[in-house]
PDB file of all heavy atoms in Angstrom:
ATOM      1  N   SER A   1       0.840  -1.192   0.000  1.00  0.00           N
ATOM      2  CA  SER A   1       0.000   0.000   0.000  1.00  0.00           C
ATOM      3  C   SER A   1       0.876   1.243   0.000  1.00  0.00           C
ATOM      4  O   SER A   1       2.061   1.178   0.350  1.00  0.00           O
ATOM      5  CB  SER A   1      -0.924   0.008   1.220  1.00  0.00           C
ATOM      6  OG  SER A   1      -0.189   0.004   2.422  1.00  0.00           O
ATOM      7  N   ARG A   2       0.272   2.353  -0.415  1.00  0.00           N
ATOM      8  CA  ARG A   2       1.012   3.609  -0.530  1.00  0.00           C
ATOM      9  C   ARG A   2       0.141   4.726   0.013  1.00  0.00           C
ATOM     10  O   ARG A   2      -1.056   4.768  -0.281  1.00  0.00           O
ATOM     11  CB  ARG A   2       1.355   3.869  -1.989  1.00  0.00           C
ATOM     12  CG  ARG A   2       2.258   5.062  -2.227  1.00  0.00           C
ATOM     13  CD  ARG A   2       2.594   5.181  -3.717  1.00  0.00           C
ATOM     14  NE  ARG A   2       3.617   6.204  -3.945  1.00  0.00           N
ATOM     15  CZ  ARG A   2       4.090   6.520  -5.151  1.00  0.00           C
ATOM     16  NH1 ARG A   2       3.630   5.911  -6.222  1.00  0.00           N
ATOM     17  NH2 ARG A   2       5.017   7.455  -5.276  1.00  0.00           N
ATOM     18  N   ASP A   3       0.728   5.623   0.777  1.00  0.00           N
ATOM     19  CA  ASP A   3      -0.077   6.713   1.306  1.00  0.00           C
ATOM     20  C   ASP A   3      -0.328   7.759   0.224  1.00  0.00           C
ATOM     21  O   ASP A   3       0.374   7.817  -0.788  1.00  0.00           O
ATOM     22  CB  ASP A   3       0.571   7.321   2.548  1.00  0.00           C
ATOM     23  CG  ASP A   3       1.786   8.179   2.221  1.00  0.00           C
ATOM     24  OD1 ASP A   3       2.313   8.092   1.103  1.00  0.00           O
ATOM     25  OD2 ASP A   3       2.209   8.923   3.112  1.00  0.00           O
ATOM     26  N   SER A   4      -1.346   8.577   0.430  1.00  0.00           N
ATOM     27  CA  SER A   4      -1.779   9.521  -0.602  1.00  0.00           C
ATOM     28  C   SER A   4      -0.719  10.570  -0.902  1.00  0.00           C
ATOM     29  O   SER A   4      -0.678  11.111  -2.006  1.00  0.00           O
ATOM     30  CB  SER A   4      -3.082  10.204  -0.180  1.00  0.00           C
ATOM     31  OG  SER A   4      -2.902  10.895   1.043  1.00  0.00           O
ATOM     32  N   ALA A   5       0.145  10.844   0.053  1.00  0.00           N
ATOM     33  CA  ALA A   5       1.207  11.828  -0.176  1.00  0.00           C
ATOM     34  C   ALA A   5       2.380  11.229  -0.929  1.00  0.00           C
ATOM     35  O   ALA A   5       3.314  11.950  -1.288  1.00  0.00           O
ATOM     36  CB  ALA A   5       1.687  12.394   1.165  1.00  0.00           C
ATOM     37  N   LYS A   6       2.301   9.918  -1.156  1.00  0.00           N
ATOM     38  CA  LYS A   6       3.318   9.177  -1.921  1.00  0.00           C
ATOM     39  C   LYS A   6       4.682   9.202  -1.260  1.00  0.00           C
ATOM     40  O   LYS A   6       5.704   9.056  -1.936  1.00  0.00           O
ATOM     41  CB  LYS A   6       3.404   9.721  -3.358  1.00  0.00           C
ATOM     42  CG  LYS A   6       2.106   9.594  -4.120  1.00  0.00           C
ATOM     43  CD  LYS A   6       2.277  10.013  -5.572  1.00  0.00           C
ATOM     44  CE  LYS A   6       0.985   9.814  -6.338  1.00  0.00           C
ATOM     45  NZ  LYS A   6       1.110  10.169  -7.772  1.00  0.00           N
ATOM     46  N   ARG A   7       4.687   9.365   0.049  1.00  0.00           N
ATOM     47  CA  ARG A   7       5.980   9.417   0.720  1.00  0.00           C
ATOM     48  C   ARG A   7       6.277   8.152   1.521  1.00  0.00           C
ATOM     49  O   ARG A   7       7.408   7.999   1.995  1.00  0.00           O
ATOM     50  CB  ARG A   7       6.067  10.638   1.612  1.00  0.00           C
ATOM     51  CG  ARG A   7       6.018  11.932   0.830  1.00  0.00           C
ATOM     52  CD  ARG A   7       6.358  13.149   1.658  1.00  0.00           C
ATOM     53  NE  ARG A   7       6.334  14.351   0.848  1.00  0.00           N
ATOM     54  CZ  ARG A   7       7.349  14.768   0.104  1.00  0.00           C
ATOM     55  NH1 ARG A   7       8.459  14.068   0.069  1.00  0.00           N
ATOM     56  NH2 ARG A   7       7.261  15.870  -0.602  1.00  0.00           N
ATOM     57  N   THR A   8       5.304   7.290   1.705  1.00  0.00           N
ATOM     58  CA  THR A   8       5.522   6.063   2.451  1.00  0.00           C
ATOM     59  C   THR A   8       4.787   4.912   1.780  1.00  0.00           C
ATOM     60  O   THR A   8       3.640   5.061   1.374  1.00  0.00           O
ATOM     61  CB  THR A   8       5.001   6.185   3.894  1.00  0.00           C
ATOM     62  OG1 THR A   8       5.634   7.285   4.549  1.00  0.00           O
ATOM     63  CG2 THR A   8       5.300   4.918   4.684  1.00  0.00           C
ATOM     64  N   ILE A   9       5.478   3.791   1.656  1.00  0.00           N
ATOM     65  CA  ILE A   9       4.793   2.568   1.239  1.00  0.00           C
ATOM     66  C   ILE A   9       4.968   1.534   2.330  1.00  0.00           C
ATOM     67  O   ILE A   9       5.931   1.581   3.110  1.00  0.00           O
ATOM     68  CB  ILE A   9       5.299   2.004  -0.104  1.00  0.00           C
ATOM     69  CG1 ILE A   9       6.761   1.575  -0.015  1.00  0.00           C
ATOM     70  CG2 ILE A   9       5.072   2.979  -1.232  1.00  0.00           C
ATOM     71  CD1 ILE A   9       7.189   0.679  -1.160  1.00  0.00           C
ATOM     72  N   SER A  10       4.021   0.634   2.386  1.00  0.00           N
ATOM     73  CA  SER A  10       4.053  -0.412   3.396  1.00  0.00           C
ATOM     74  C   SER A  10       3.883  -1.762   2.730  1.00  0.00           C
ATOM     75  O   SER A  10       3.290  -1.864   1.659  1.00  0.00           O
ATOM     76  CB  SER A  10       2.936  -0.197   4.424  1.00  0.00           C
ATOM     77  OG  SER A  10       3.093   1.034   5.092  1.00  0.00           O
ATOM     78  N   LEU A  11       4.403  -2.774   3.379  1.00  0.00           N
ATOM     79  CA  LEU A  11       4.214  -4.143   2.935  1.00  0.00           C
ATOM     80  C   LEU A  11       3.727  -4.933   4.138  1.00  0.00           C
ATOM     81  O   LEU A  11       4.473  -5.141   5.096  1.00  0.00           O
ATOM     82  CB  LEU A  11       5.515  -4.740   2.399  1.00  0.00           C
ATOM     83  CG  LEU A  11       5.390  -6.142   1.821  1.00  0.00           C
ATOM     84  CD1 LEU A  11       4.573  -6.117   0.522  1.00  0.00           C
ATOM     85  CD2 LEU A  11       6.767  -6.759   1.554  1.00  0.00           C
ATOM     86  N   ARG A  12       2.484  -5.336   4.089  1.00  0.00           N
ATOM     87  CA  ARG A  12       1.920  -6.148   5.146  1.00  0.00           C
ATOM     88  C   ARG A  12       2.101  -7.606   4.760  1.00  0.00           C
ATOM     89  O   ARG A  12       1.622  -8.045   3.720  1.00  0.00           O
ATOM     90  CB  ARG A  12       0.435  -5.847   5.345  1.00  0.00           C
ATOM     91  CG  ARG A  12      -0.234  -6.697   6.422  1.00  0.00           C
ATOM     92  CD  ARG A  12       0.315  -6.442   7.799  1.00  0.00           C
ATOM     93  NE  ARG A  12      -0.378  -7.214   8.819  1.00  0.00           N
ATOM     94  CZ  ARG A  12      -0.014  -7.246  10.106  1.00  0.00           C
ATOM     95  NH1 ARG A  12       1.042  -6.529  10.518  1.00  0.00           N
ATOM     96  NH2 ARG A  12      -0.697  -7.969  10.966  1.00  0.00           N
ATOM     97  N   MET A  13       2.818  -8.346   5.594  1.00  0.00           N
ATOM     98  CA  MET A  13       3.144  -9.736   5.304  1.00  0.00           C
ATOM     99  C   MET A  13       2.427 -10.644   6.300  1.00  0.00           C
ATOM    100  O   MET A  13       2.668 -10.532   7.509  1.00  0.00           O
ATOM    101  CB  MET A  13       4.654  -9.946   5.386  1.00  0.00           C
ATOM    102  CG  MET A  13       5.440  -9.011   4.464  1.00  0.00           C
ATOM    103  SD  MET A  13       7.209  -9.311   4.474  1.00  0.00           S
ATOM    104  CE  MET A  13       7.612  -8.777   6.135  1.00  0.00           C
ATOM    105  N   ASN A  14       1.556 -11.484   5.799  1.00  0.00           N
ATOM    106  CA  ASN A  14       0.797 -12.404   6.634  1.00  0.00           C
ATOM    107  C   ASN A  14       1.179 -13.855   6.326  1.00  0.00           C
ATOM    108  O   ASN A  14       1.754 -14.143   5.277  1.00  0.00           O
ATOM    109  CB  ASN A  14      -0.704 -12.210   6.392  1.00  0.00           C
ATOM    110  CG  ASN A  14      -1.181 -10.820   6.703  1.00  0.00           C
ATOM    111  OD1 ASN A  14      -0.892 -10.266   7.769  1.00  0.00           O
ATOM    112  ND2 ASN A  14      -1.928 -10.224   5.782  1.00  0.00           N
ATOM    113  N   SER A  15       0.846 -14.732   7.236  1.00  0.00           N
ATOM    114  CA  SER A  15       1.107 -16.164   7.058  1.00  0.00           C
ATOM    115  C   SER A  15       2.548 -16.412   6.621  1.00  0.00           C
ATOM    116  O   SER A  15       2.806 -17.117   5.642  1.00  0.00           O
ATOM    117  CB  SER A  15       0.126 -16.753   6.028  1.00  0.00           C
ATOM    118  OG  SER A  15      -1.200 -16.545   6.415  1.00  0.00           O
ATOM    119  N   LEU A  16       3.454 -15.811   7.335  1.00  0.00           N
ATOM    120  CA  LEU A  16       4.860 -15.873   6.947  1.00  0.00           C
ATOM    121  C   LEU A  16       5.396 -17.297   7.024  1.00  0.00           C
ATOM    122  O   LEU A  16       5.026 -18.090   7.905  1.00  0.00           O
ATOM    123  CB  LEU A  16       5.684 -14.940   7.817  1.00  0.00           C
ATOM    124  CG  LEU A  16       5.565 -13.459   7.420  1.00  0.00           C
ATOM    125  CD1 LEU A  16       6.030 -12.556   8.543  1.00  0.00           C
ATOM    126  CD2 LEU A  16       6.367 -13.196   6.154  1.00  0.00           C
ATOM    127  N   LYS A  17       6.297 -17.594   6.084  1.00  0.00           N
ATOM    128  CA  LYS A  17       6.926 -18.906   5.991  1.00  0.00           C
ATOM    129  C   LYS A  17       8.435 -18.747   6.132  1.00  0.00           C
ATOM    130  O   LYS A  17       8.975 -17.651   5.895  1.00  0.00           O
ATOM    131  CB  LYS A  17       6.605 -19.540   4.637  1.00  0.00           C
ATOM    132  CG  LYS A  17       5.132 -19.618   4.301  1.00  0.00           C
ATOM    133  CD  LYS A  17       4.934 -20.137   2.882  1.00  0.00           C
ATOM    134  CE  LYS A  17       3.452 -20.179   2.512  1.00  0.00           C
ATOM    135  NZ  LYS A  17       3.248 -20.658   1.119  1.00  0.00           N
ATOM    136  N   SER A  18       9.105 -19.833   6.435  1.00  0.00           N
ATOM    137  CA  SER A  18      10.561 -19.764   6.581  1.00  0.00           C
ATOM    138  C   SER A  18      11.222 -19.287   5.293  1.00  0.00           C
ATOM    139  O   SER A  18      12.240 -18.593   5.323  1.00  0.00           O
ATOM    140  CB  SER A  18      11.111 -21.126   6.992  1.00  0.00           C
ATOM    141  OG  SER A  18      10.760 -22.109   6.032  1.00  0.00           O
ATOM    142  N   GLU A  19      10.617 -19.638   4.160  1.00  0.00           N
ATOM    143  CA  GLU A  19      11.197 -19.230   2.885  1.00  0.00           C
ATOM    144  C   GLU A  19      11.015 -17.741   2.596  1.00  0.00           C
ATOM    145  O   GLU A  19      11.532 -17.245   1.589  1.00  0.00           O
ATOM    146  CB  GLU A  19      10.624 -20.059   1.724  1.00  0.00           C
ATOM    147  CG  GLU A  19       9.119 -20.146   1.681  1.00  0.00           C
ATOM    148  CD  GLU A  19       8.589 -21.417   2.328  1.00  0.00           C
ATOM    149  OE1 GLU A  19       9.085 -21.795   3.419  1.00  0.00           O
ATOM    150  OE2 GLU A  19       7.676 -22.030   1.734  1.00  0.00           O
ATOM    151  N   ASP A  20      10.289 -17.027   3.431  1.00  0.00           N
ATOM    152  CA  ASP A  20      10.194 -15.575   3.305  1.00  0.00           C
ATOM    153  C   ASP A  20      11.383 -14.872   3.957  1.00  0.00           C
ATOM    154  O   ASP A  20      11.529 -13.651   3.826  1.00  0.00           O
ATOM    155  CB  ASP A  20       8.902 -15.066   3.946  1.00  0.00           C
ATOM    156  CG  ASP A  20       7.660 -15.550   3.231  1.00  0.00           C
ATOM    157  OD1 ASP A  20       7.651 -15.543   1.982  1.00  0.00           O
ATOM    158  OD2 ASP A  20       6.689 -15.933   3.921  1.00  0.00           O
ATOM    159  N   THR A  21      12.217 -15.628   4.645  1.00  0.00           N
ATOM    160  CA  THR A  21      13.407 -15.057   5.269  1.00  0.00           C
ATOM    161  C   THR A  21      14.320 -14.463   4.207  1.00  0.00           C
ATOM    162  O   THR A  21      14.688 -15.137   3.244  1.00  0.00           O
ATOM    163  CB  THR A  21      14.165 -16.132   6.065  1.00  0.00           C
ATOM    164  OG1 THR A  21      13.345 -16.576   7.155  1.00  0.00           O
ATOM    165  CG2 THR A  21      15.473 -15.588   6.610  1.00  0.00           C
ATOM    166  N   ALA A  22      14.664 -13.191   4.374  1.00  0.00           N
ATOM    167  CA  ALA A  22      15.477 -12.503   3.376  1.00  0.00           C
ATOM    168  C   ALA A  22      15.755 -11.077   3.853  1.00  0.00           C
ATOM    169  O   ALA A  22      15.176 -10.624   4.842  1.00  0.00           O
ATOM    170  CB  ALA A  22      14.751 -12.453   2.038  1.00  0.00           C
ATOM    171  N   ILE A  23      16.618 -10.411   3.124  1.00  0.00           N
ATOM    172  CA  ILE A  23      16.749  -8.970   3.272  1.00  0.00           C
ATOM    173  C   ILE A  23      15.767  -8.345   2.289  1.00  0.00           C
ATOM    174  O   ILE A  23      15.796  -8.676   1.088  1.00  0.00           O
ATOM    175  CB  ILE A  23      18.175  -8.483   2.996  1.00  0.00           C
ATOM    176  CG1 ILE A  23      19.152  -9.119   3.985  1.00  0.00           C
ATOM    177  CG2 ILE A  23      18.244  -6.958   3.098  1.00  0.00           C
ATOM    178  CD1 ILE A  23      20.610  -8.791   3.710  1.00  0.00           C
ATOM    179  N   TYR A  24      14.925  -7.481   2.795  1.00  0.00           N
ATOM    180  CA  TYR A  24      13.914  -6.825   1.967  1.00  0.00           C
ATOM    181  C   TYR A  24      14.380  -5.406   1.639  1.00  0.00           C
ATOM    182  O   TYR A  24      14.753  -4.638   2.535  1.00  0.00           O
ATOM    183  CB  TYR A  24      12.579  -6.801   2.702  1.00  0.00           C
ATOM    184  CG  TYR A  24      11.887  -8.146   2.685  1.00  0.00           C
ATOM    185  CD1 TYR A  24      12.400  -9.222   3.425  1.00  0.00           C
ATOM    186  CD2 TYR A  24      10.765  -8.374   1.911  1.00  0.00           C
ATOM    187  CE1 TYR A  24      11.790 -10.468   3.387  1.00  0.00           C
ATOM    188  CE2 TYR A  24      10.147  -9.617   1.878  1.00  0.00           C
ATOM    189  CZ  TYR A  24      10.670 -10.655   2.616  1.00  0.00           C
ATOM    190  OH  TYR A  24      10.068 -11.892   2.566  1.00  0.00           O
ATOM    191  N   TYR A  25      14.351  -5.090   0.352  1.00  0.00           N
ATOM    192  CA  TYR A  25      14.813  -3.800  -0.139  1.00  0.00           C
ATOM    193  C   TYR A  25      13.649  -3.011  -0.732  1.00  0.00           C
ATOM    194  O   TYR A  25      12.870  -3.548  -1.536  1.00  0.00           O
ATOM    195  CB  TYR A  25      15.862  -3.977  -1.229  1.00  0.00           C
ATOM    196  CG  TYR A  25      17.150  -4.611  -0.760  1.00  0.00           C
ATOM    197  CD1 TYR A  25      17.325  -5.988  -0.828  1.00  0.00           C
ATOM    198  CD2 TYR A  25      18.193  -3.835  -0.261  1.00  0.00           C
ATOM    199  CE1 TYR A  25      18.504  -6.582  -0.406  1.00  0.00           C
ATOM    200  CE2 TYR A  25      19.381  -4.416   0.164  1.00  0.00           C
ATOM    201  CZ  TYR A  25      19.527  -5.792   0.087  1.00  0.00           C
ATOM    202  OH  TYR A  25      20.702  -6.364   0.500  1.00  0.00           O
ATOM    203  N   CYS A  26      13.576  -1.747  -0.375  1.00  0.00           N
ATOM    204  CA  CYS A  26      12.632  -0.854  -1.022  1.00  0.00           C
ATOM    205  C   CYS A  26      13.238  -0.415  -2.360  1.00  0.00           C
ATOM    206  O   CYS A  26      14.457  -0.169  -2.443  1.00  0.00           O
ATOM    207  CB  CYS A  26      12.367   0.346  -0.121  1.00  0.00           C
ATOM    208  SG  CYS A  26      11.059   1.436  -0.714  1.00  0.00           S
ATOM    209  N   TYR A  27      12.397  -0.309  -3.350  1.00  0.00           N
ATOM    210  CA  TYR A  27      12.838   0.012  -4.714  1.00  0.00           C
ATOM    211  C   TYR A  27      11.914   1.075  -5.298  1.00  0.00           C
ATOM    212  O   TYR A  27      10.713   1.069  -5.054  1.00  0.00           O
ATOM    213  CB  TYR A  27      12.754  -1.265  -5.554  1.00  0.00           C
ATOM    214  CG  TYR A  27      12.672  -1.041  -7.046  1.00  0.00           C
ATOM    215  CD1 TYR A  27      13.828  -0.945  -7.816  1.00  0.00           C
ATOM    216  CD2 TYR A  27      11.439  -0.938  -7.695  1.00  0.00           C
ATOM    217  CE1 TYR A  27      13.747  -0.745  -9.182  1.00  0.00           C
ATOM    218  CE2 TYR A  27      11.365  -0.735  -9.060  1.00  0.00           C
ATOM    219  CZ  TYR A  27      12.520  -0.646  -9.796  1.00  0.00           C
ATOM    220  OH  TYR A  27      12.444  -0.446 -11.151  1.00  0.00           O
ATOM    221  N   ALA A  28      12.484   1.977  -6.069  1.00  0.00           N
ATOM    222  CA  ALA A  28      11.691   2.963  -6.794  1.00  0.00           C
ATOM    223  C   ALA A  28      12.338   3.232  -8.142  1.00  0.00           C
ATOM    224  O   ALA A  28      13.554   3.087  -8.300  1.00  0.00           O
ATOM    225  CB  ALA A  28      11.577   4.259  -5.995  1.00  0.00           C
ATOM    226  N   ASN A  29      11.494   3.614  -9.098  1.00  0.00           N
ATOM    227  CA  ASN A  29      11.983   3.903 -10.444  1.00  0.00           C
ATOM    228  C   ASN A  29      11.266   5.147 -10.950  1.00  0.00           C
ATOM    229  O   ASN A  29      10.035   5.229 -10.863  1.00  0.00           O
ATOM    230  CB  ASN A  29      11.700   2.703 -11.348  1.00  0.00           C
ATOM    231  CG  ASN A  29      12.406   2.815 -12.680  1.00  0.00           C
ATOM    232  OD1 ASN A  29      12.239   3.795 -13.386  1.00  0.00           O
ATOM    233  ND2 ASN A  29      13.196   1.825 -13.009  1.00  0.00           N
ATOM    234  N   ASP A  30      12.036   6.099 -11.484  1.00  0.00           N
ATOM    235  CA  ASP A  30      11.431   7.318 -12.001  1.00  0.00           C
ATOM    236  C   ASP A  30      11.412   7.351 -13.521  1.00  0.00           C
ATOM    237  O   ASP A  30      11.216   8.414 -14.117  1.00  0.00           O
ATOM    238  CB  ASP A  30      12.143   8.551 -11.434  1.00  0.00           C
ATOM    239  CG  ASP A  30      13.603   8.631 -11.861  1.00  0.00           C
ATOM    240  OD1 ASP A  30      14.041   7.777 -12.673  1.00  0.00           O
ATOM    241  OD2 ASP A  30      14.308   9.527 -11.377  1.00  0.00           O
ATOM    242  N   GLY A  31      11.641   6.218 -14.138  1.00  0.00           N
ATOM    243  CA  GLY A  31      11.646   6.133 -15.586  1.00  0.00           C
ATOM    244  C   GLY A  31      13.017   6.322 -16.188  1.00  0.00           C
ATOM    245  O   GLY A  31      13.231   6.039 -17.380  1.00  0.00           O
ATOM    246  N   MET A  32      13.951   6.806 -15.362  1.00  0.00           N
ATOM    247  CA  MET A  32      15.312   7.007 -15.845  1.00  0.00           C
ATOM    248  C   MET A  32      16.315   6.130 -15.093  1.00  0.00           C
ATOM    249  O   MET A  32      17.314   5.699 -15.659  1.00  0.00           O
ATOM    250  CB  MET A  32      15.698   8.471 -15.716  1.00  0.00           C
ATOM    251  CG  MET A  32      14.947   9.375 -16.668  1.00  0.00           C
ATOM    252  SD  MET A  32      15.526  11.079 -16.612  1.00  0.00           S
ATOM    253  CE  MET A  32      15.010  11.555 -14.967  1.00  0.00           C
ATOM    254  N   ARG A  33      16.040   5.896 -13.823  1.00  0.00           N
ATOM    255  CA  ARG A  33      16.945   5.085 -13.032  1.00  0.00           C
ATOM    256  C   ARG A  33      16.204   4.454 -11.874  1.00  0.00           C
ATOM    257  O   ARG A  33      15.097   4.875 -11.530  1.00  0.00           O
ATOM    258  CB  ARG A  33      18.130   5.897 -12.526  1.00  0.00           C
ATOM    259  CG  ARG A  33      17.773   7.077 -11.650  1.00  0.00           C
ATOM    260  CD  ARG A  33      18.946   7.515 -10.792  1.00  0.00           C
ATOM    261  NE  ARG A  33      19.232   6.544  -9.739  1.00  0.00           N
ATOM    262  CZ  ARG A  33      20.153   6.737  -8.800  1.00  0.00           C
ATOM    263  NH1 ARG A  33      20.896   7.835  -8.826  1.00  0.00           N
ATOM    264  NH2 ARG A  33      20.357   5.843  -7.852  1.00  0.00           N
ATOM    265  N   ALA A  34      16.873   3.451 -11.294  1.00  0.00           N
ATOM    266  CA  ALA A  34      16.331   2.764 -10.126  1.00  0.00           C
ATOM    267  C   ALA A  34      16.995   3.296  -8.865  1.00  0.00           C
ATOM    268  O   ALA A  34      18.168   3.691  -8.877  1.00  0.00           O
ATOM    269  CB  ALA A  34      16.569   1.265 -10.243  1.00  0.00           C
ATOM    270  N   TYR A  35      16.234   3.301  -7.791  1.00  0.00           N
ATOM    271  CA  TYR A  35      16.737   3.700  -6.486  1.00  0.00           C
ATOM    272  C   TYR A  35      16.486   2.550  -5.513  1.00  0.00           C
ATOM    273  O   TYR A  35      15.457   1.854  -5.608  1.00  0.00           O
ATOM    274  CB  TYR A  35      16.006   4.946  -5.976  1.00  0.00           C
ATOM    275  CG  TYR A  35      16.136   6.140  -6.870  1.00  0.00           C
ATOM    276  CD1 TYR A  35      15.229   6.374  -7.906  1.00  0.00           C
ATOM    277  CD2 TYR A  35      17.173   7.049  -6.695  1.00  0.00           C
ATOM    278  CE1 TYR A  35      15.355   7.469  -8.740  1.00  0.00           C
ATOM    279  CE2 TYR A  35      17.304   8.154  -7.522  1.00  0.00           C
ATOM    280  CZ  TYR A  35      16.388   8.355  -8.541  1.00  0.00           C
ATOM    281  OH  TYR A  35      16.525   9.444  -9.362  1.00  0.00           O
ATOM    282  N   TRP A  36      17.411   2.368  -4.572  1.00  0.00           N
ATOM    283  CA  TRP A  36      17.301   1.278  -3.610  1.00  0.00           C
ATOM    284  C   TRP A  36      17.516   1.787  -2.193  1.00  0.00           C
ATOM    285  O   TRP A  36      18.338   2.686  -1.966  1.00  0.00           O
ATOM    286  CB  TRP A  36      18.347   0.205  -3.893  1.00  0.00           C
ATOM    287  CG  TRP A  36      18.165  -0.483  -5.211  1.00  0.00           C
ATOM    288  CD1 TRP A  36      18.758  -0.168  -6.390  1.00  0.00           C
ATOM    289  CD2 TRP A  36      17.329  -1.626  -5.473  1.00  0.00           C
ATOM    290  NE1 TRP A  36      18.335  -1.029  -7.367  1.00  0.00           N
ATOM    291  CE2 TRP A  36      17.465  -1.935  -6.845  1.00  0.00           C
ATOM    292  CE3 TRP A  36      16.477  -2.400  -4.691  1.00  0.00           C
ATOM    293  CZ2 TRP A  36      16.780  -3.001  -7.450  1.00  0.00           C
ATOM    294  CZ3 TRP A  36      15.813  -3.465  -5.278  1.00  0.00           C
ATOM    295  CH2 TRP A  36      15.962  -3.744  -6.641  1.00  0.00           C
ATOM    296  N   GLY A  37      16.796   1.198  -1.254  1.00  0.00           N
ATOM    297  CA  GLY A  37      17.073   1.436   0.143  1.00  0.00           C
ATOM    298  C   GLY A  37      18.212   0.545   0.606  1.00  0.00           C
ATOM    299  O   GLY A  37      18.754  -0.245  -0.158  1.00  0.00           O
ATOM    300  N   GLN A  38      18.536   0.645   1.889  1.00  0.00           N
ATOM    301  CA  GLN A  38      19.666  -0.101   2.424  1.00  0.00           C
ATOM    302  C   GLN A  38      19.294  -1.531   2.809  1.00  0.00           C
ATOM    303  O   GLN A  38      20.176  -2.354   3.041  1.00  0.00           O
ATOM    304  CB  GLN A  38      20.242   0.626   3.653  1.00  0.00           C
ATOM    305  CG  GLN A  38      19.500   0.388   4.966  1.00  0.00           C
ATOM    306  CD  GLN A  38      18.168   1.116   5.054  1.00  0.00           C
ATOM    307  OE1 GLN A  38      17.822   1.910   4.180  1.00  0.00           O
ATOM    308  NE2 GLN A  38      17.433   0.873   6.123  1.00  0.00           N
ATOM    309  N   GLY A  39      18.017  -1.828   2.882  1.00  0.00           N
ATOM    310  CA  GLY A  39      17.563  -3.175   3.201  1.00  0.00           C
ATOM    311  C   GLY A  39      17.222  -3.349   4.672  1.00  0.00           C
ATOM    312  O   GLY A  39      17.799  -2.686   5.541  1.00  0.00           O
ATOM    313  N   THR A  40      16.289  -4.251   4.930  1.00  0.00           N
ATOM    314  CA  THR A  40      15.916  -4.587   6.304  1.00  0.00           C
ATOM    315  C   THR A  40      15.732  -6.095   6.393  1.00  0.00           C
ATOM    316  O   THR A  40      15.124  -6.707   5.510  1.00  0.00           O
ATOM    317  CB  THR A  40      14.646  -3.827   6.738  1.00  0.00           C
ATOM    318  OG1 THR A  40      14.392  -4.059   8.124  1.00  0.00           O
ATOM    319  CG2 THR A  40      13.421  -4.217   5.928  1.00  0.00           C
ATOM    320  N   GLN A  41      16.263  -6.708   7.434  1.00  0.00           N
ATOM    321  CA  GLN A  41      16.256  -8.164   7.565  1.00  0.00           C
ATOM    322  C   GLN A  41      14.942  -8.665   8.131  1.00  0.00           C
ATOM    323  O   GLN A  41      14.485  -8.195   9.177  1.00  0.00           O
ATOM    324  CB  GLN A  41      17.402  -8.612   8.474  1.00  0.00           C
ATOM    325  CG  GLN A  41      17.449 -10.106   8.743  1.00  0.00           C
ATOM    326  CD  GLN A  41      17.869 -10.902   7.528  1.00  0.00           C
ATOM    327  OE1 GLN A  41      18.846 -10.569   6.860  1.00  0.00           O
ATOM    328  NE2 GLN A  41      17.139 -11.990   7.237  1.00  0.00           N
TER     329      GLN A  41
END
């Protein structure tokens, strides 16, 4: 989901499995390049 101001997105993860274990990275693209966050475990 994304807030109306477009400044925050959320990922609600339910029924988590062991195979969901990973570093999760936020990603954005403005049509010219990709941007990445630092990741969260």
